[in-house]
Amino acid sequence: MRNAFRDFFRRIRVGRHVRTNGDLYNYRGLEVECPLSAGLGVCNALMRGKYERDEADMILAHLPAHLPVIELGGSLGVVSRLIRSRLDARTRHLVVEANPRIVETCRKNATRDAEDGATDVVNAALYYGAARASFTLGPDVHSNALSGTGRRGEEIEVDTVSLSALHQRLGAPERFALVSDIEGGEYQIIRHEPDMLAKVEIAIVEIHPAAFAAEGGSEAAFLAAFHERGLVEIDRRGDVVVMSRAGTV
């Protein structure tokens, strides 16, 4: 009953916004697009300034302007838009989003105001062992994940990509920034390509302890893999952790 009342007022609030502004929202001073099909909760969070608040705060506080960025889990491209706004004009930004149904919205937001070629969006899932993987679409855009993680919803097949392949696509920079929120899928990196972390200058990662545990891992093991390759925790808010090479950022 409580959720029914909550959704009732959200529907009124979001409906009023859409009638006036369409699919456009203000996010940290930036105009972004969010279709109503993304989910009532997502639209409401954008309206109230709560959308990915911890991740956005960490990006604003710590992301360097000069480092090329690999962003795992672009979703609607809202956070991607914020990242792009923090980077120097020609600094490369590679966004990865698995859901083909939202990738065009992701691309619109991520590349808005970007110079040609500075931001690229890849429609794929981070995954190892096969060129295609099963991906579960949840009730809203933030409940999508690789199948087999306990999520319920429609299953589709998507292309896959590795972190090393993304690094090559970015131009194989000596160092890059990693921004990631892929519902626990990050754990695959420490299992399959842990040495790629040696190329990471700063990581801003939303961790998912329950998803890690479901894969037989843990938050401690995940963070230890970063620490072993020279990254130390410099900030944290909730489940969003910032790790950097000591004295470099």
Protein backbone atom coordinates (compact mmCIF):
# COMPACT_ATOMS: atom_id res chain seq x y z
CA MET A 1 0.00 0.00 0.00
CA ARG A 2 2.84 2.38 0.86
CA ASN A 3 4.42 1.88 -2.58
CA ALA A 4 1.06 2.46 -4.23
CA PHE A 5 0.76 5.87 -2.55
CA ARG A 6 4.36 6.68 -3.43
CA ASP A 7 3.84 5.80 -7.09
CA PHE A 8 0.57 7.73 -7.20
CA PHE A 9 2.30 10.96 -6.22
CA ARG A 10 5.29 10.22 -8.42
CA ARG A 11 2.96 9.76 -11.38
CA ILE A 12 1.35 13.13 -10.72
CA ARG A 13 4.71 14.87 -10.26
CA VAL A 14 6.36 13.32 -13.31
CA GLY A 15 3.27 13.77 -15.46
CA ARG A 16 3.22 17.49 -14.67
CA HIS A 17 6.89 17.74 -15.62
CA VAL A 18 6.44 15.87 -18.91
CA ARG A 19 3.49 18.04 -19.93
CA THR A 20 5.67 21.13 -19.49
CA ASN A 21 9.15 19.90 -20.46
CA GLY A 22 8.70 16.71 -22.42
CA ASP A 23 11.56 14.24 -21.89
CA LEU A 24 14.09 16.91 -20.90
CA TYR A 25 15.46 17.25 -17.35
CA ASN A 26 18.10 19.35 -15.64
CA TYR A 27 20.90 17.26 -14.15
CA ARG A 28 23.59 19.12 -12.27
CA GLY A 29 23.06 22.11 -14.54
CA LEU A 30 23.09 20.00 -17.71
CA GLU A 31 20.15 19.24 -19.99
CA VAL A 32 19.52 15.51 -20.41
CA GLU A 33 16.86 13.40 -22.06
CA CYS A 34 14.95 10.69 -20.18
CA PRO A 35 11.94 8.99 -21.77
CA LEU A 36 9.07 8.04 -19.48
CA SER A 37 9.63 4.44 -20.56
CA ALA A 38 12.84 4.47 -18.49
CA GLY A 39 10.69 4.13 -15.39
CA LEU A 40 8.74 6.36 -13.06
CA GLY A 41 11.37 6.10 -10.33
CA VAL A 42 14.17 7.18 -12.66
CA CYS A 43 12.25 10.24 -13.90
CA ASN A 44 11.28 11.16 -10.35
CA ALA A 45 14.88 10.87 -9.15
CA LEU A 46 16.01 13.20 -11.93
CA MET A 47 13.36 15.74 -10.98
CA ARG A 48 14.33 15.68 -7.31
CA GLY A 49 18.10 15.77 -7.80
CA LYS A 50 18.56 12.26 -6.41
CA TYR A 51 19.61 10.43 -9.57
CA GLU A 52 22.90 8.55 -8.96
CA ARG A 53 23.68 11.24 -6.40
CA ASP A 54 26.68 9.57 -4.75
CA GLU A 55 28.31 8.64 -8.06
CA ALA A 56 27.79 12.15 -9.43
CA ASP A 57 29.29 13.73 -6.30
CA MET A 58 32.38 11.52 -6.56
CA ILE A 59 32.81 12.33 -10.26
CA LEU A 60 32.57 16.05 -9.59
CA ALA A 61 35.04 15.80 -6.73
CA HIS A 62 37.66 13.50 -8.21
CA LEU A 63 37.53 12.90 -11.99
CA PRO A 64 40.54 14.54 -13.69
CA ALA A 65 39.91 16.50 -16.88
CA HIS A 66 42.89 15.10 -18.78
CA LEU A 67 42.48 11.34 -18.33
CA PRO A 68 40.67 9.27 -20.98
CA VAL A 69 37.67 7.48 -19.46
CA ILE A 70 36.18 4.02 -19.85
CA GLU A 71 32.65 4.08 -18.44
CA LEU A 72 30.97 0.72 -17.87
CA GLY A 73 27.18 0.92 -17.62
CA GLY A 74 26.20 4.08 -19.48
CA SER A 75 22.48 3.43 -18.99
CA LEU A 76 20.58 6.51 -20.25
CA GLY A 77 23.79 8.51 -20.63
CA VAL A 78 22.88 10.91 -17.82
CA VAL A 79 26.04 10.30 -15.79
CA SER A 80 27.91 10.06 -19.11
CA ARG A 81 26.81 13.62 -19.85
CA LEU A 82 28.21 14.73 -16.49
CA ILE A 83 31.50 12.93 -17.15
CA ARG A 84 31.82 14.53 -20.58
CA SER A 85 31.26 17.97 -19.05
CA ARG A 86 34.25 17.44 -16.72
CA LEU A 87 36.72 16.43 -19.44
CA ASP A 88 38.94 18.54 -21.65
CA ALA A 89 37.47 18.95 -25.13
CA ARG A 90 39.68 16.34 -26.82
CA THR A 91 39.96 13.87 -23.94
CA ARG A 92 38.53 10.54 -25.07
CA HIS A 93 35.48 9.03 -23.35
CA LEU A 94 34.26 5.50 -24.15
CA VAL A 95 30.81 4.54 -22.85
CA VAL A 96 29.59 0.92 -22.69
CA GLU A 97 25.86 0.11 -22.50
CA ALA A 98 24.45 -3.37 -23.06
CA ASN A 99 20.72 -2.61 -23.44
CA PRO A 100 19.99 -1.97 -27.14
CA ARG A 101 16.64 -0.37 -26.29
CA ILE A 102 18.20 2.59 -24.50
CA VAL A 103 21.54 2.88 -26.28
CA GLU A 104 20.36 5.69 -28.60
CA THR A 105 19.21 7.76 -25.62
CA CYS A 106 22.56 7.00 -24.01
CA ARG A 107 24.35 8.19 -27.14
CA LYS A 108 22.31 11.41 -27.37
CA ASN A 109 23.08 12.37 -23.79
CA ALA A 110 26.69 11.20 -23.76
CA THR A 111 27.66 13.02 -26.96
CA ARG A 112 25.68 16.21 -26.38
CA ASP A 113 28.13 19.12 -26.76
CA ALA A 114 31.03 16.68 -27.30
CA GLU A 115 33.51 17.31 -30.10
CA ASP A 116 33.38 14.85 -33.00
CA GLY A 117 35.07 11.60 -32.01
CA ALA A 118 35.68 12.60 -28.40
CA THR A 119 32.90 10.38 -26.97
CA ASP A 120 31.98 6.96 -28.34
CA VAL A 121 29.20 4.61 -27.20
CA VAL A 122 29.58 0.83 -27.49
CA ASN A 123 26.46 -1.35 -27.38
CA ALA A 124 27.82 -4.40 -25.54
CA ALA A 125 28.14 -6.04 -22.13
CA LEU A 126 31.37 -6.60 -20.25
CA TYR A 127 31.69 -10.38 -20.36
CA TYR A 128 34.37 -13.03 -20.84
CA GLY A 129 34.24 -16.40 -22.56
CA ALA A 130 31.79 -15.84 -25.42
CA ALA A 131 31.06 -13.30 -28.15
CA ARG A 132 27.41 -13.13 -27.09
CA ALA A 133 25.76 -13.30 -23.67
CA SER A 134 22.27 -13.48 -22.21
CA PHE A 135 21.14 -10.20 -20.66
CA THR A 136 18.07 -9.68 -18.45
CA LEU A 137 15.94 -6.57 -18.85
CA GLY A 138 14.34 -5.61 -15.54
CA PRO A 139 11.29 -3.42 -14.87
CA ASP A 140 13.35 -0.23 -15.19
CA VAL A 141 16.68 0.72 -16.74
CA HIS A 142 18.59 0.28 -13.48
CA SER A 143 17.56 -3.32 -12.92
CA ASN A 144 19.19 -4.72 -16.06
CA ALA A 145 22.04 -7.21 -15.64
CA LEU A 146 23.71 -10.23 -17.15
CA SER A 147 21.51 -13.28 -16.82
CA GLY A 148 22.31 -15.73 -14.06
CA THR A 149 22.55 -13.01 -11.41
CA GLY A 150 19.10 -13.71 -9.97
CA ARG A 151 17.33 -10.91 -11.85
CA ARG A 152 13.91 -11.52 -13.33
CA GLY A 153 12.72 -10.15 -16.63
CA GLU A 154 12.94 -10.52 -20.37
CA GLU A 155 16.14 -12.15 -21.60
CA ILE A 156 17.89 -10.98 -24.76
CA GLU A 157 21.21 -11.76 -26.43
CA VAL A 158 23.84 -9.00 -26.55
CA ASP A 159 27.37 -8.59 -27.87
CA THR A 160 30.18 -8.78 -25.34
CA VAL A 161 33.45 -6.94 -24.86
CA SER A 162 36.46 -7.18 -22.54
CA LEU A 163 38.17 -4.37 -20.67
CA SER A 164 41.36 -4.91 -22.68
CA ALA A 165 39.41 -4.58 -25.95
CA LEU A 166 37.89 -1.33 -24.70
CA HIS A 167 41.34 -0.09 -23.73
CA GLN A 168 42.57 -0.78 -27.28
CA ARG A 169 39.54 0.98 -28.74
CA LEU A 170 40.36 3.99 -26.58
CA GLY A 171 43.81 4.12 -28.18
CA ALA A 172 45.67 2.06 -25.56
CA PRO A 173 46.56 4.98 -23.27
CA GLU A 174 49.22 4.39 -20.63
CA ARG A 175 46.67 5.32 -17.95
CA PHE A 176 42.91 5.82 -17.94
CA ALA A 177 40.04 6.52 -15.55
CA LEU A 178 37.50 3.76 -14.91
CA VAL A 179 33.93 4.67 -13.99
CA SER A 180 31.69 1.67 -13.46
CA ASP A 181 28.22 0.69 -12.31
CA ILE A 182 27.21 -2.62 -13.90
CA GLU A 183 25.33 -4.32 -11.07
CA GLY A 184 28.24 -6.44 -9.90
CA GLY A 185 29.57 -7.31 -13.37
CA GLU A 186 32.79 -5.53 -12.40
CA TYR A 187 33.83 -8.66 -10.52
CA GLN A 188 34.64 -10.31 -13.85
CA ILE A 189 37.58 -7.93 -14.27
CA ILE A 190 39.43 -9.21 -11.20
CA ARG A 191 38.75 -12.81 -12.26
CA HIS A 192 39.68 -12.55 -15.94
CA GLU A 193 41.83 -9.44 -16.47
CA PRO A 194 43.10 -8.27 -13.09
CA ASP A 195 46.32 -6.91 -14.58
CA MET A 196 44.30 -4.37 -16.57
CA LEU A 197 43.88 -2.58 -13.24
CA ALA A 198 47.56 -1.63 -13.45
CA LYS A 199 46.57 0.77 -16.25
CA VAL A 200 43.87 2.45 -14.17
CA GLU A 201 44.88 5.82 -12.70
CA ILE A 202 41.62 6.40 -10.83
CA ALA A 203 38.52 4.24 -10.42
CA ILE A 204 35.05 5.42 -9.40
CA VAL A 205 33.04 2.25 -8.89
CA GLU A 206 29.64 1.50 -7.41
CA ILE A 207 30.15 -1.85 -5.76
CA HIS A 208 27.43 -4.45 -5.26
CA PRO A 209 28.35 -6.72 -2.32
CA ALA A 210 25.29 -8.99 -2.71
CA ALA A 211 26.05 -9.57 -6.40
CA PHE A 212 29.70 -10.27 -5.57
CA ALA A 213 28.65 -12.81 -2.94
CA ALA A 214 26.29 -14.50 -5.40
CA GLU A 215 29.33 -15.14 -7.61
CA GLY A 216 31.30 -16.58 -4.73
CA GLY A 217 33.28 -13.38 -4.23
CA SER A 218 33.31 -10.53 -1.76
CA GLU A 219 33.72 -6.79 -1.48
CA ALA A 220 37.00 -7.32 0.34
CA ALA A 221 38.43 -9.46 -2.47
CA PHE A 222 37.27 -6.97 -5.09
CA LEU A 223 38.91 -4.01 -3.37
CA ALA A 224 42.05 -6.04 -2.62
CA ALA A 225 42.58 -6.63 -6.36
CA PHE A 226 42.76 -2.87 -6.87
CA HIS A 227 45.01 -2.36 -3.84
CA GLU A 228 47.44 -5.04 -5.06
CA ARG A 229 47.90 -3.05 -8.28
CA GLY A 230 48.70 0.23 -6.61
CA LEU A 231 45.27 1.82 -6.14
CA VAL A 232 44.26 3.09 -2.72
CA GLU A 233 40.85 4.16 -1.48
CA ILE A 234 40.66 7.95 -1.22
CA ASP A 235 36.93 8.50 -0.81
CA ARG A 236 33.68 6.63 -0.36
CA ARG A 237 30.02 7.47 -0.13
CA GLY A 238 27.62 4.60 0.37
CA ASP A 239 28.58 1.91 -2.14
CA VAL A 240 30.48 4.30 -4.42
CA VAL A 241 34.21 3.90 -3.89
CA VAL A 242 37.00 6.07 -5.32
CA MET A 243 40.45 4.50 -5.68
CA SER A 244 43.52 6.29 -7.00
CA ARG A 245 47.24 5.83 -7.39
CA ALA A 246 48.84 7.48 -4.38
CA GLY A 247 50.04 10.98 -5.09
CA THR A 248 48.94 11.06 -8.73
CA VAL A 249 45.37 12.42 -8.66
